[in-house]
């Protein structure tokens, strides 16, 4: 029975479709902004983040066949640090009106660059 299922043309795509399906509820919850318990949101967005991480890793593995492995690794590292840069942008924006935020912008940029390196 399993050998017949594994020979189906959709079989290699099943992990990707399943991973995308696990991430869709988190995206839908983010768009619709329902009022949920903190525990439910934590589980939902945790599964969504894991889904995105698996898809990003699979994309990096697939990209290594077309581009050099070092370039693929650099792109993945940059994508991993983008949230740190987004937070730093917020701190820098707020530092324009509140000078006390400048120290947070500097500290966050230092941490983001350390992660990247």
PDB file of N, CA and C in Angstrom:
ATOM      1  N   UNK A   1       0.816  -1.187   0.000  1.00  0.00           N
ATOM      2  CA  UNK A   1       0.000   0.000   0.000  1.00  0.00           C
ATOM      3  C   UNK A   1       0.867   1.261   0.000  1.00  0.00           C
ATOM      4  N   UNK A   2       1.895   1.307   0.888  1.00  0.00           N
ATOM      5  CA  UNK A   2       2.739   2.489   0.954  1.00  0.00           C
ATOM      6  C   UNK A   2       3.547   2.679  -0.322  1.00  0.00           C
ATOM      7  N   UNK A   3       3.960   1.608  -0.938  1.00  0.00           N
ATOM      8  CA  UNK A   3       4.734   1.745  -2.178  1.00  0.00           C
ATOM      9  C   UNK A   3       3.875   2.348  -3.293  1.00  0.00           C
ATOM     10  N   UNK A   4       2.590   2.020  -3.301  1.00  0.00           N
ATOM     11  CA  UNK A   4       1.696   2.608  -4.305  1.00  0.00           C
ATOM     12  C   UNK A   4       1.491   4.093  -4.049  1.00  0.00           C
ATOM     13  N   UNK A   5       1.415   4.477  -2.790  1.00  0.00           N
ATOM     14  CA  UNK A   5       1.241   5.897  -2.460  1.00  0.00           C
ATOM     15  C   UNK A   5       2.505   6.672  -2.792  1.00  0.00           C
ATOM     16  N   UNK A   6       3.663   6.088  -2.505  1.00  0.00           N
ATOM     17  CA  UNK A   6       4.929   6.787  -2.755  1.00  0.00           C
ATOM     18  C   UNK A   6       5.208   6.988  -4.233  1.00  0.00           C
ATOM     19  N   UNK A   7       4.562   6.258  -5.075  1.00  0.00           N
ATOM     20  CA  UNK A   7       4.782   6.404  -6.510  1.00  0.00           C
ATOM     21  C   UNK A   7       3.825   7.401  -7.145  1.00  0.00           C
ATOM     22  N   UNK A   8       2.982   8.002  -6.352  1.00  0.00           N
ATOM     23  CA  UNK A   8       2.068   9.021  -6.866  1.00  0.00           C
ATOM     24  C   UNK A   8       2.860  10.280  -7.207  1.00  0.00           C
ATOM     25  N   UNK A   9       2.423  11.040  -8.217  1.00  0.00           N
ATOM     26  CA  UNK A   9       3.186  12.242  -8.599  1.00  0.00           C
ATOM     27  C   UNK A   9       3.163  13.349  -7.547  1.00  0.00           C
ATOM     28  N   UNK A  10       2.201  13.345  -6.648  1.00  0.00           N
ATOM     29  CA  UNK A  10       2.106  14.387  -5.630  1.00  0.00           C
ATOM     30  C   UNK A  10       2.919  14.062  -4.388  1.00  0.00           C
ATOM     31  N   UNK A  11       3.444  12.859  -4.271  1.00  0.00           N
ATOM     32  CA  UNK A  11       4.128  12.425  -3.051  1.00  0.00           C
ATOM     33  C   UNK A  11       5.325  13.314  -2.671  1.00  0.00           C
ATOM     34  N   UNK A  12       6.225  13.702  -3.598  1.00  0.00           N
ATOM     35  CA  UNK A  12       7.359  14.551  -3.186  1.00  0.00           C
ATOM     36  C   UNK A  12       6.945  15.926  -2.689  1.00  0.00           C
ATOM     37  N   UNK A  13       5.775  16.402  -3.098  1.00  0.00           N
ATOM     38  CA  UNK A  13       5.315  17.733  -2.709  1.00  0.00           C
ATOM     39  C   UNK A  13       4.571  17.740  -1.382  1.00  0.00           C
ATOM     40  N   UNK A  14       4.262  16.582  -0.848  1.00  0.00           N
ATOM     41  CA  UNK A  14       3.464  16.488   0.371  1.00  0.00           C
ATOM     42  C   UNK A  14       4.099  17.207   1.576  1.00  0.00           C
ATOM     43  N   UNK A  15       5.408  17.079   1.824  1.00  0.00           N
ATOM     44  CA  UNK A  15       5.975  17.820   2.963  1.00  0.00           C
ATOM     45  C   UNK A  15       5.861  19.337   2.817  1.00  0.00           C
ATOM     46  N   UNK A  16       6.049  19.851   1.611  1.00  0.00           N
ATOM     47  CA  UNK A  16       5.944  21.296   1.413  1.00  0.00           C
ATOM     48  C   UNK A  16       4.520  21.786   1.606  1.00  0.00           C
ATOM     49  N   UNK A  17       3.581  21.063   1.042  1.00  0.00           N
ATOM     50  CA  UNK A  17       2.172  21.446   1.191  1.00  0.00           C
ATOM     51  C   UNK A  17       1.751  21.369   2.656  1.00  0.00           C
ATOM     52  N   UNK A  18       2.199  20.329   3.362  1.00  0.00           N
ATOM     53  CA  UNK A  18       1.879  20.203   4.782  1.00  0.00           C
ATOM     54  C   UNK A  18       2.482  21.323   5.610  1.00  0.00           C
ATOM     55  N   UNK A  19       3.727  21.695   5.298  1.00  0.00           N
ATOM     56  CA  UNK A  19       4.378  22.776   6.037  1.00  0.00           C
ATOM     57  C   UNK A  19       3.692  24.110   5.775  1.00  0.00           C
ATOM     58  N   UNK A  20       3.308  24.352   4.546  1.00  0.00           N
ATOM     59  CA  UNK A  20       2.580  25.587   4.227  1.00  0.00           C
ATOM     60  C   UNK A  20       1.233  25.597   4.933  1.00  0.00           C
ATOM     61  N   UNK A  21       0.564  24.444   4.955  1.00  0.00           N
ATOM     62  CA  UNK A  21      -0.741  24.351   5.617  1.00  0.00           C
ATOM     63  C   UNK A  21      -0.630  24.613   7.113  1.00  0.00           C
ATOM     64  N   UNK A  22       0.484  24.221   7.717  1.00  0.00           N
ATOM     65  CA  UNK A  22       0.677  24.505   9.147  1.00  0.00           C
ATOM     66  C   UNK A  22       0.883  25.991   9.417  1.00  0.00           C
ATOM     67  N   UNK A  23       1.425  26.721   8.447  1.00  0.00           N
ATOM     68  CA  UNK A  23       1.683  28.148   8.642  1.00  0.00           C
ATOM     69  C   UNK A  23       0.524  29.060   8.301  1.00  0.00           C
ATOM     70  N   UNK A  24      -0.439  28.569   7.538  1.00  0.00           N
ATOM     71  CA  UNK A  24      -1.561  29.405   7.098  1.00  0.00           C
ATOM     72  C   UNK A  24      -2.404  29.937   8.258  1.00  0.00           C
ATOM     73  N   UNK A  25      -2.708  29.142   9.304  1.00  0.00           N
ATOM     74  CA  UNK A  25      -3.513  29.713  10.401  1.00  0.00           C
ATOM     75  C   UNK A  25      -2.843  30.905  11.094  1.00  0.00           C
ATOM     76  N   UNK A  26      -1.526  30.898  11.191  1.00  0.00           N
ATOM     77  CA  UNK A  26      -0.838  32.026  11.816  1.00  0.00           C
ATOM     78  C   UNK A  26      -0.968  33.278  10.951  1.00  0.00           C
ATOM     79  N   UNK A  27      -0.843  33.118   9.648  1.00  0.00           N
ATOM     80  CA  UNK A  27      -0.995  34.260   8.744  1.00  0.00           C
ATOM     81  C   UNK A  27      -2.424  34.787   8.795  1.00  0.00           C
ATOM     82  N   UNK A  28      -3.394  33.869   8.801  1.00  0.00           N
ATOM     83  CA  UNK A  28      -4.800  34.288   8.872  1.00  0.00           C
ATOM     84  C   UNK A  28      -5.101  34.996  10.187  1.00  0.00           C
ATOM     85  N   UNK A  29      -4.526  34.509  11.278  1.00  0.00           N
ATOM     86  CA  UNK A  29      -4.740  35.158  12.573  1.00  0.00           C
ATOM     87  C   UNK A  29      -4.093  36.535  12.606  1.00  0.00           C
ATOM     88  N   UNK A  30      -2.958  36.681  11.954  1.00  0.00           N
ATOM     89  CA  UNK A  30      -2.294  37.979  11.924  1.00  0.00           C
ATOM     90  C   UNK A  30      -3.091  38.983  11.111  1.00  0.00           C
ATOM     91  N   UNK A  31      -3.676  38.524  10.016  1.00  0.00           N
ATOM     92  CA  UNK A  31      -4.448  39.428   9.157  1.00  0.00           C
ATOM     93  C   UNK A  31      -5.776  39.811   9.808  1.00  0.00           C
ATOM     94  N   UNK A  32      -6.488  38.824  10.365  1.00  0.00           N
ATOM     95  CA  UNK A  32      -7.816  39.099  10.921  1.00  0.00           C
ATOM     96  C   UNK A  32      -7.777  39.651  12.348  1.00  0.00           C
ATOM     97  N   UNK A  33      -6.680  39.481  13.042  1.00  0.00           N
ATOM     98  CA  UNK A  33      -6.484  39.954  14.412  1.00  0.00           C
ATOM     99  C   UNK A  33      -7.626  39.560  15.350  1.00  0.00           C
ATOM    100  N   UNK A  34      -7.872  38.260  15.509  1.00  0.00           N
ATOM    101  CA  UNK A  34      -8.922  37.851  16.457  1.00  0.00           C
ATOM    102  C   UNK A  34      -8.423  38.013  17.895  1.00  0.00           C
ATOM    103  N   UNK A  35      -9.343  38.115  18.814  1.00  0.00           N
ATOM    104  CA  UNK A  35      -8.972  38.215  20.220  1.00  0.00           C
ATOM    105  C   UNK A  35      -8.883  36.801  20.782  1.00  0.00           C
ATOM    106  N   UNK A  36      -7.661  36.347  20.992  1.00  0.00           N
ATOM    107  CA  UNK A  36      -7.424  34.996  21.487  1.00  0.00           C
ATOM    108  C   UNK A  36      -6.635  35.079  22.784  1.00  0.00           C
ATOM    109  N   UNK A  37      -6.624  33.977  23.501  1.00  0.00           N
ATOM    110  CA  UNK A  37      -5.822  33.906  24.717  1.00  0.00           C
ATOM    111  C   UNK A  37      -4.341  33.932  24.342  1.00  0.00           C
ATOM    112  N   UNK A  38      -3.544  34.426  25.260  1.00  0.00           N
ATOM    113  CA  UNK A  38      -2.111  34.540  25.016  1.00  0.00           C
ATOM    114  C   UNK A  38      -1.498  33.168  24.745  1.00  0.00           C
ATOM    115  N   UNK A  39      -1.942  32.162  25.453  1.00  0.00           N
ATOM    116  CA  UNK A  39      -1.403  30.819  25.261  1.00  0.00           C
ATOM    117  C   UNK A  39      -1.706  30.298  23.864  1.00  0.00           C
ATOM    118  N   UNK A  40      -2.933  30.537  23.399  1.00  0.00           N
ATOM    119  CA  UNK A  40      -3.317  30.087  22.055  1.00  0.00           C
ATOM    120  C   UNK A  40      -2.518  30.823  20.985  1.00  0.00           C
ATOM    121  N   UNK A  41      -2.325  32.123  21.169  1.00  0.00           N
ATOM    122  CA  UNK A  41      -1.523  32.886  20.214  1.00  0.00           C
ATOM    123  C   UNK A  41      -0.081  32.400  20.204  1.00  0.00           C
ATOM    124  N   UNK A  42       0.453  32.090  21.373  1.00  0.00           N
ATOM    125  CA  UNK A  42       1.827  31.612  21.452  1.00  0.00           C
ATOM    126  C   UNK A  42       1.998  30.313  20.685  1.00  0.00           C
ATOM    127  N   UNK A  43       1.083  29.396  20.873  1.00  0.00           N
ATOM    128  CA  UNK A  43       1.161  28.116  20.153  1.00  0.00           C
ATOM    129  C   UNK A  43       0.968  28.337  18.658  1.00  0.00           C
ATOM    130  N   UNK A  44      -0.023  29.130  18.287  1.00  0.00           N
ATOM    131  CA  UNK A  44      -0.329  29.357  16.878  1.00  0.00           C
ATOM    132  C   UNK A  44       0.837  30.014  16.151  1.00  0.00           C
ATOM    133  N   UNK A  45       1.378  31.081  16.714  1.00  0.00           N
ATOM    134  CA  UNK A  45       2.479  31.773  16.052  1.00  0.00           C
ATOM    135  C   UNK A  45       3.785  30.998  16.162  1.00  0.00           C
ATOM    136  N   UNK A  46       3.947  30.209  17.206  1.00  0.00           N
ATOM    137  CA  UNK A  46       5.122  29.333  17.292  1.00  0.00           C
ATOM    138  C   UNK A  46       5.137  28.316  16.167  1.00  0.00           C
ATOM    139  N   UNK A  47       3.987  27.715  15.898  1.00  0.00           N
ATOM    140  CA  UNK A  47       3.887  26.758  14.785  1.00  0.00           C
ATOM    141  C   UNK A  47       4.118  27.483  13.457  1.00  0.00           C
ATOM    142  N   UNK A  48       3.604  28.700  13.334  1.00  0.00           N
ATOM    143  CA  UNK A  48       3.820  29.471  12.112  1.00  0.00           C
ATOM    144  C   UNK A  48       5.282  29.808  11.885  1.00  0.00           C
ATOM    145  N   UNK A  49       5.990  30.156  12.951  1.00  0.00           N
ATOM    146  CA  UNK A  49       7.415  30.473  12.838  1.00  0.00           C
ATOM    147  C   UNK A  49       8.209  29.226  12.482  1.00  0.00           C
ATOM    148  N   UNK A  50       7.879  28.101  13.093  1.00  0.00           N
ATOM    149  CA  UNK A  50       8.565  26.851  12.746  1.00  0.00           C
ATOM    150  C   UNK A  50       8.297  26.470  11.292  1.00  0.00           C
ATOM    151  N   UNK A  51       7.084  26.661  10.838  1.00  0.00           N
ATOM    152  CA  UNK A  51       6.745  26.375   9.447  1.00  0.00           C
ATOM    153  C   UNK A  51       7.581  27.237   8.505  1.00  0.00           C
ATOM    154  N   UNK A  52       7.668  28.518   8.800  1.00  0.00           N
ATOM    155  CA  UNK A  52       8.466  29.415   7.963  1.00  0.00           C
ATOM    156  C   UNK A  52       9.947  29.045   8.000  1.00  0.00           C
ATOM    157  N   UNK A  53      10.435  28.632   9.163  1.00  0.00           N
ATOM    158  CA  UNK A  53      11.844  28.242   9.266  1.00  0.00           C
ATOM    159  C   UNK A  53      12.128  26.992   8.434  1.00  0.00           C
ATOM    160  N   UNK A  54      11.233  26.015   8.480  1.00  0.00           N
ATOM    161  CA  UNK A  54      11.429  24.814   7.671  1.00  0.00           C
ATOM    162  C   UNK A  54      11.384  25.141   6.179  1.00  0.00           C
ATOM    163  N   UNK A  55      10.465  26.006   5.769  1.00  0.00           N
ATOM    164  CA  UNK A  55      10.390  26.384   4.358  1.00  0.00           C
ATOM    165  C   UNK A  55      11.623  27.172   3.926  1.00  0.00           C
ATOM    166  N   UNK A  56      12.120  28.020   4.796  1.00  0.00           N
ATOM    167  CA  UNK A  56      13.326  28.776   4.493  1.00  0.00           C
ATOM    168  C   UNK A  56      14.530  27.857   4.367  1.00  0.00           C
ATOM    169  N   UNK A  57      14.617  26.877   5.257  1.00  0.00           N
ATOM    170  CA  UNK A  57      15.711  25.901   5.174  1.00  0.00           C
ATOM    171  C   UNK A  57      15.629  25.051   3.929  1.00  0.00           C
ATOM    172  N   UNK A  58      14.424  24.643   3.562  1.00  0.00           N
ATOM    173  CA  UNK A  58      14.254  23.856   2.335  1.00  0.00           C
ATOM    174  C   UNK A  58      14.606  24.687   1.107  1.00  0.00           C
ATOM    175  N   UNK A  59      14.238  25.947   1.132  1.00  0.00           N
ATOM    176  CA  UNK A  59      14.601  26.827   0.022  1.00  0.00           C
ATOM    177  C   UNK A  59      16.099  27.024  -0.092  1.00  0.00           C
ATOM    178  N   UNK A  60      16.767  27.111   1.050  1.00  0.00           N
ATOM    179  CA  UNK A  60      18.229  27.255   1.033  1.00  0.00           C
ATOM    180  C   UNK A  60      18.894  25.996   0.492  1.00  0.00           C
ATOM    181  N   UNK A  61      18.388  24.844   0.897  1.00  0.00           N
ATOM    182  CA  UNK A  61      18.939  23.587   0.375  1.00  0.00           C
ATOM    183  C   UNK A  61      18.737  23.496  -1.129  1.00  0.00           C
ATOM    184  N   UNK A  62      17.563  23.895  -1.607  1.00  0.00           N
ATOM    185  CA  UNK A  62      17.299  23.845  -3.046  1.00  0.00           C
ATOM    186  C   UNK A  62      18.140  24.870  -3.798  1.00  0.00           C
ATOM    187  N   UNK A  63      18.374  26.018  -3.180  1.00  0.00           N
ATOM    188  CA  UNK A  63      19.146  27.064  -3.844  1.00  0.00           C
ATOM    189  C   UNK A  63      20.613  26.694  -3.980  1.00  0.00           C
ATOM    190  N   UNK A  64      21.108  25.821  -3.134  1.00  0.00           N
ATOM    191  CA  UNK A  64      22.520  25.451  -3.215  1.00  0.00           C
ATOM    192  C   UNK A  64      22.849  24.698  -4.499  1.00  0.00           C
ATOM    193  N   UNK A  65      21.847  24.193  -5.193  1.00  0.00           N
ATOM    194  CA  UNK A  65      22.103  23.518  -6.453  1.00  0.00           C
ATOM    195  C   UNK A  65      22.286  24.516  -7.594  1.00  0.00           C
ATOM    196  N   UNK A  66      21.769  25.726  -7.426  1.00  0.00           N
ATOM    197  CA  UNK A  66      21.848  26.725  -8.486  1.00  0.00           C
ATOM    198  C   UNK A  66      22.854  27.831  -8.195  1.00  0.00           C
ATOM    199  N   UNK A  67      23.054  28.151  -6.945  1.00  0.00           N
ATOM    200  CA  UNK A  67      23.999  29.210  -6.579  1.00  0.00           C
ATOM    201  C   UNK A  67      25.017  28.633  -5.607  1.00  0.00           C
ATOM    202  N   UNK A  68      26.157  29.291  -5.412  1.00  0.00           N
ATOM    203  CA  UNK A  68      27.159  28.763  -4.475  1.00  0.00           C
ATOM    204  C   UNK A  68      26.604  28.668  -3.052  1.00  0.00           C
ATOM    205  N   UNK A  69      27.096  27.691  -2.319  1.00  0.00           N
ATOM    206  CA  UNK A  69      26.622  27.459  -0.953  1.00  0.00           C
ATOM    207  C   UNK A  69      26.897  28.662  -0.058  1.00  0.00           C
ATOM    208  N   UNK A  70      28.022  29.336  -0.270  1.00  0.00           N
ATOM    209  CA  UNK A  70      28.341  30.485   0.579  1.00  0.00           C
ATOM    210  C   UNK A  70      27.361  31.635   0.352  1.00  0.00           C
ATOM    211  N   UNK A  71      26.950  31.854  -0.884  1.00  0.00           N
ATOM    212  CA  UNK A  71      25.960  32.901  -1.159  1.00  0.00           C
ATOM    213  C   UNK A  71      24.613  32.539  -0.560  1.00  0.00           C
ATOM    214  N   UNK A  72      24.246  31.281  -0.668  1.00  0.00           N
ATOM    215  CA  UNK A  72      22.991  30.827  -0.070  1.00  0.00           C
ATOM    216  C   UNK A  72      23.012  31.020   1.442  1.00  0.00           C
ATOM    217  N   UNK A  73      24.116  30.698   2.076  1.00  0.00           N
ATOM    218  CA  UNK A  73      24.247  30.874   3.521  1.00  0.00           C
ATOM    219  C   UNK A  73      24.199  32.347   3.904  1.00  0.00           C
ATOM    220  N   UNK A  74      24.818  33.197   3.098  1.00  0.00           N
ATOM    221  CA  UNK A  74      24.794  34.637   3.388  1.00  0.00           C
ATOM    222  C   UNK A  74      23.379  35.198   3.299  1.00  0.00           C
ATOM    223  N   UNK A  75      22.619  34.759   2.316  1.00  0.00           N
ATOM    224  CA  UNK A  75      21.236  35.228   2.172  1.00  0.00           C
ATOM    225  C   UNK A  75      20.392  34.765   3.345  1.00  0.00           C
ATOM    226  N   UNK A  76      20.562  33.508   3.755  1.00  0.00           N
ATOM    227  CA  UNK A  76      19.811  32.987   4.897  1.00  0.00           C
ATOM    228  C   UNK A  76      20.183  33.746   6.170  1.00  0.00           C
ATOM    229  N   UNK A  77      21.455  34.037   6.357  1.00  0.00           N
ATOM    230  CA  UNK A  77      21.877  34.789   7.542  1.00  0.00           C
ATOM    231  C   UNK A  77      21.274  36.186   7.541  1.00  0.00           C
ATOM    232  N   UNK A  78      21.247  36.822   6.384  1.00  0.00           N
ATOM    233  CA  UNK A  78      20.667  38.165   6.292  1.00  0.00           C
ATOM    234  C   UNK A  78      19.175  38.136   6.591  1.00  0.00           C
ATOM    235  N   UNK A  79      18.472  37.132   6.076  1.00  0.00           N
ATOM    236  CA  UNK A  79      17.037  37.007   6.334  1.00  0.00           C
ATOM    237  C   UNK A  79      16.786  36.761   7.821  1.00  0.00           C
ATOM    238  N   UNK A  80      17.666  36.006   8.453  1.00  0.00           N
ATOM    239  CA  UNK A  80      17.502  35.721   9.878  1.00  0.00           C
ATOM    240  C   UNK A  80      17.692  36.970  10.732  1.00  0.00           C
ATOM    241  N   UNK A  81      18.472  37.929  10.252  1.00  0.00           N
ATOM    242  CA  UNK A  81      18.766  39.134  11.037  1.00  0.00           C
ATOM    243  C   UNK A  81      17.813  40.282  10.690  1.00  0.00           C
ATOM    244  N   UNK A  82      17.024  40.155   9.641  1.00  0.00           N
ATOM    245  CA  UNK A  82      16.113  41.239   9.258  1.00  0.00           C
ATOM    246  C   UNK A  82      15.175  41.686  10.384  1.00  0.00           C
ATOM    247  N   UNK A  83      14.628  40.794  11.216  1.00  0.00           N
ATOM    248  CA  UNK A  83      13.787  41.294  12.317  1.00  0.00           C
ATOM    249  C   UNK A  83      14.552  42.199  13.288  1.00  0.00           C
ATOM    250  N   UNK A  84      15.819  41.885  13.519  1.00  0.00           N
ATOM    251  CA  UNK A  84      16.620  42.755  14.386  1.00  0.00           C
ATOM    252  C   UNK A  84      16.759  44.141  13.771  1.00  0.00           C
ATOM    253  N   UNK A  85      16.961  44.195  12.470  1.00  0.00           N
ATOM    254  CA  UNK A  85      17.077  45.482  11.807  1.00  0.00           C
ATOM    255  C   UNK A  85      15.747  46.236  11.815  1.00  0.00           C
ATOM    256  N   UNK A  86      14.639  45.520  11.740  1.00  0.00           N
ATOM    257  CA  UNK A  86      13.330  46.175  11.794  1.00  0.00           C
ATOM    258  C   UNK A  86      13.114  46.822  13.160  1.00  0.00           C
ATOM    259  N   UNK A  87      13.487  46.126  14.223  1.00  0.00           N
ATOM    260  CA  UNK A  87      13.367  46.696  15.573  1.00  0.00           C
ATOM    261  C   UNK A  87      14.297  47.892  15.715  1.00  0.00           C
ATOM    262  N   UNK A  88      15.499  47.793  15.141  1.00  0.00           N
ATOM    263  CA  UNK A  88      16.436  48.908  15.207  1.00  0.00           C
ATOM    264  C   UNK A  88      15.895  50.121  14.455  1.00  0.00           C
ATOM    265  N   UNK A  89      15.229  49.888  13.338  1.00  0.00           N
ATOM    266  CA  UNK A  89      14.625  50.987  12.599  1.00  0.00           C
ATOM    267  C   UNK A  89      13.560  51.683  13.443  1.00  0.00           C
ATOM    268  N   UNK A  90      12.784  50.907  14.183  1.00  0.00           N
ATOM    269  CA  UNK A  90      11.769  51.487  15.068  1.00  0.00           C
ATOM    270  C   UNK A  90      12.424  52.336  16.164  1.00  0.00           C
ATOM    271  N   UNK A  91      13.473  51.811  16.784  1.00  0.00           N
ATOM    272  CA  UNK A  91      14.170  52.586  17.815  1.00  0.00           C
ATOM    273  C   UNK A  91      14.796  53.851  17.236  1.00  0.00           C
ATOM    274  N   UNK A  92      15.365  53.761  16.054  1.00  0.00           N
ATOM    275  CA  UNK A  92      15.975  54.938  15.427  1.00  0.00           C
ATOM    276  C   UNK A  92      14.907  55.972  15.085  1.00  0.00           C
ATOM    277  N   UNK A  93      13.745  55.523  14.638  1.00  0.00           N
ATOM    278  CA  UNK A  93      12.649  56.441  14.318  1.00  0.00           C
ATOM    279  C   UNK A  93      12.177  57.169  15.577  1.00  0.00           C
ATOM    280  N   UNK A  94      12.045  56.414  16.670  1.00  0.00           N
ATOM    281  CA  UNK A  94      11.604  57.026  17.926  1.00  0.00           C
ATOM    282  C   UNK A  94      12.678  57.926  18.528  1.00  0.00           C
ATOM    283  N   UNK A  95      13.944  57.659  18.227  1.00  0.00           N
ATOM    284  CA  UNK A  95      15.031  58.482  18.763  1.00  0.00           C
ATOM    285  C   UNK A  95      15.010  59.890  18.191  1.00  0.00           C
ATOM    286  N   UNK A  96      14.312  60.060  17.070  1.00  0.00           N
ATOM    287  CA  UNK A  96      14.197  61.397  16.492  1.00  0.00           C
ATOM    288  C   UNK A  96      13.429  62.350  17.383  1.00  0.00           C
ATOM    289  N   UNK A  97      12.477  61.836  18.148  1.00  0.00           N
ATOM    290  CA  UNK A  97      11.698  62.686  19.043  1.00  0.00           C
ATOM    291  C   UNK A  97      12.043  62.455  20.510  1.00  0.00           C
ATOM    292  N   UNK A  98      12.586  61.287  20.830  1.00  0.00           N
ATOM    293  CA  UNK A  98      12.949  60.958  22.208  1.00  0.00           C
ATOM    294  C   UNK A  98      14.413  60.515  22.230  1.00  0.00           C
ATOM    295  N   UNK A  99      15.337  61.391  22.630  1.00  0.00           N
ATOM    296  CA  UNK A  99      16.765  61.055  22.579  1.00  0.00           C
ATOM    297  C   UNK A  99      17.161  59.858  23.448  1.00  0.00           C
ATOM    298  N   UNK A 100      16.343  59.498  24.417  1.00  0.00           N
ATOM    299  CA  UNK A 100      16.680  58.339  25.244  1.00  0.00           C
ATOM    300  C   UNK A 100      16.596  57.032  24.450  1.00  0.00           C
ATOM    301  N   UNK A 101      15.875  57.031  23.349  1.00  0.00           N
ATOM    302  CA  UNK A 101      15.750  55.830  22.519  1.00  0.00           C
ATOM    303  C   UNK A 101      17.007  55.560  21.702  1.00  0.00           C
ATOM    304  N   UNK A 102      17.896  56.549  21.601  1.00  0.00           N
ATOM    305  CA  UNK A 102      19.098  56.383  20.788  1.00  0.00           C
ATOM    306  C   UNK A 102      19.988  55.268  21.326  1.00  0.00           C
ATOM    307  N   UNK A 103      20.080  55.138  22.634  1.00  0.00           N
ATOM    308  CA  UNK A 103      20.920  54.081  23.198  1.00  0.00           C
ATOM    309  C   UNK A 103      20.381  52.690  22.853  1.00  0.00           C
ATOM    310  N   UNK A 104      19.060  52.563  22.775  1.00  0.00           N
ATOM    311  CA  UNK A 104      18.473  51.279  22.403  1.00  0.00           C
ATOM    312  C   UNK A 104      18.742  50.963  20.930  1.00  0.00           C
ATOM    313  N   UNK A 105      18.704  51.985  20.089  1.00  0.00           N
ATOM    314  CA  UNK A 105      18.982  51.781  18.666  1.00  0.00           C
ATOM    315  C   UNK A 105      20.418  51.313  18.464  1.00  0.00           C
ATOM    316  N   UNK A 106      21.337  51.926  19.173  1.00  0.00           N
ATOM    317  CA  UNK A 106      22.749  51.545  19.050  1.00  0.00           C
ATOM    318  C   UNK A 106      22.972  50.129  19.564  1.00  0.00           C
ATOM    319  N   UNK A 107      22.394  49.813  20.705  1.00  0.00           N
ATOM    320  CA  UNK A 107      22.571  48.476  21.278  1.00  0.00           C
ATOM    321  C   UNK A 107      21.952  47.405  20.390  1.00  0.00           C
ATOM    322  N   UNK A 108      20.790  47.686  19.838  1.00  0.00           N
ATOM    323  CA  UNK A 108      20.143  46.691  18.989  1.00  0.00           C
ATOM    324  C   UNK A 108      20.905  46.496  17.685  1.00  0.00           C
ATOM    325  N   UNK A 109      21.437  47.561  17.113  1.00  0.00           N
ATOM    326  CA  UNK A 109      22.211  47.420  15.879  1.00  0.00           C
ATOM    327  C   UNK A 109      23.487  46.637  16.139  1.00  0.00           C
ATOM    328  N   UNK A 110      24.099  46.852  17.287  1.00  0.00           N
ATOM    329  CA  UNK A 110      25.294  46.084  17.635  1.00  0.00           C
ATOM    330  C   UNK A 110      24.959  44.604  17.744  1.00  0.00           C
ATOM    331  N   UNK A 111      23.855  44.278  18.409  1.00  0.00           N
ATOM    332  CA  UNK A 111      23.442  42.881  18.539  1.00  0.00           C
ATOM    333  C   UNK A 111      23.073  42.273  17.197  1.00  0.00           C
ATOM    334  N   UNK A 112      22.376  43.030  16.346  1.00  0.00           N
ATOM    335  CA  UNK A 112      22.014  42.529  15.018  1.00  0.00           C
ATOM    336  C   UNK A 112      23.222  42.237  14.168  1.00  0.00           C
ATOM    337  N   UNK A 113      24.217  43.133  14.220  1.00  0.00           N
ATOM    338  CA  UNK A 113      25.425  42.903  13.438  1.00  0.00           C
ATOM    339  C   UNK A 113      26.241  41.736  13.979  1.00  0.00           C
ATOM    340  N   UNK A 114      26.225  41.545  15.285  1.00  0.00           N
ATOM    341  CA  UNK A 114      26.920  40.375  15.854  1.00  0.00           C
ATOM    342  C   UNK A 114      26.277  39.088  15.377  1.00  0.00           C
ATOM    343  N   UNK A 115      24.936  39.070  15.342  1.00  0.00           N
ATOM    344  CA  UNK A 115      24.242  37.880  14.828  1.00  0.00           C
ATOM    345  C   UNK A 115      24.598  37.624  13.368  1.00  0.00           C
ATOM    346  N   UNK A 116      24.680  38.675  12.599  1.00  0.00           N
ATOM    347  CA  UNK A 116      24.980  38.529  11.171  1.00  0.00           C
ATOM    348  C   UNK A 116      26.390  38.019  10.956  1.00  0.00           C
ATOM    349  N   UNK A 117      27.320  38.542  11.735  1.00  0.00           N
ATOM    350  CA  UNK A 117      28.711  38.091  11.576  1.00  0.00           C
ATOM    351  C   UNK A 117      28.908  36.714  12.133  1.00  0.00           C
TER     352      UNK A 117
END
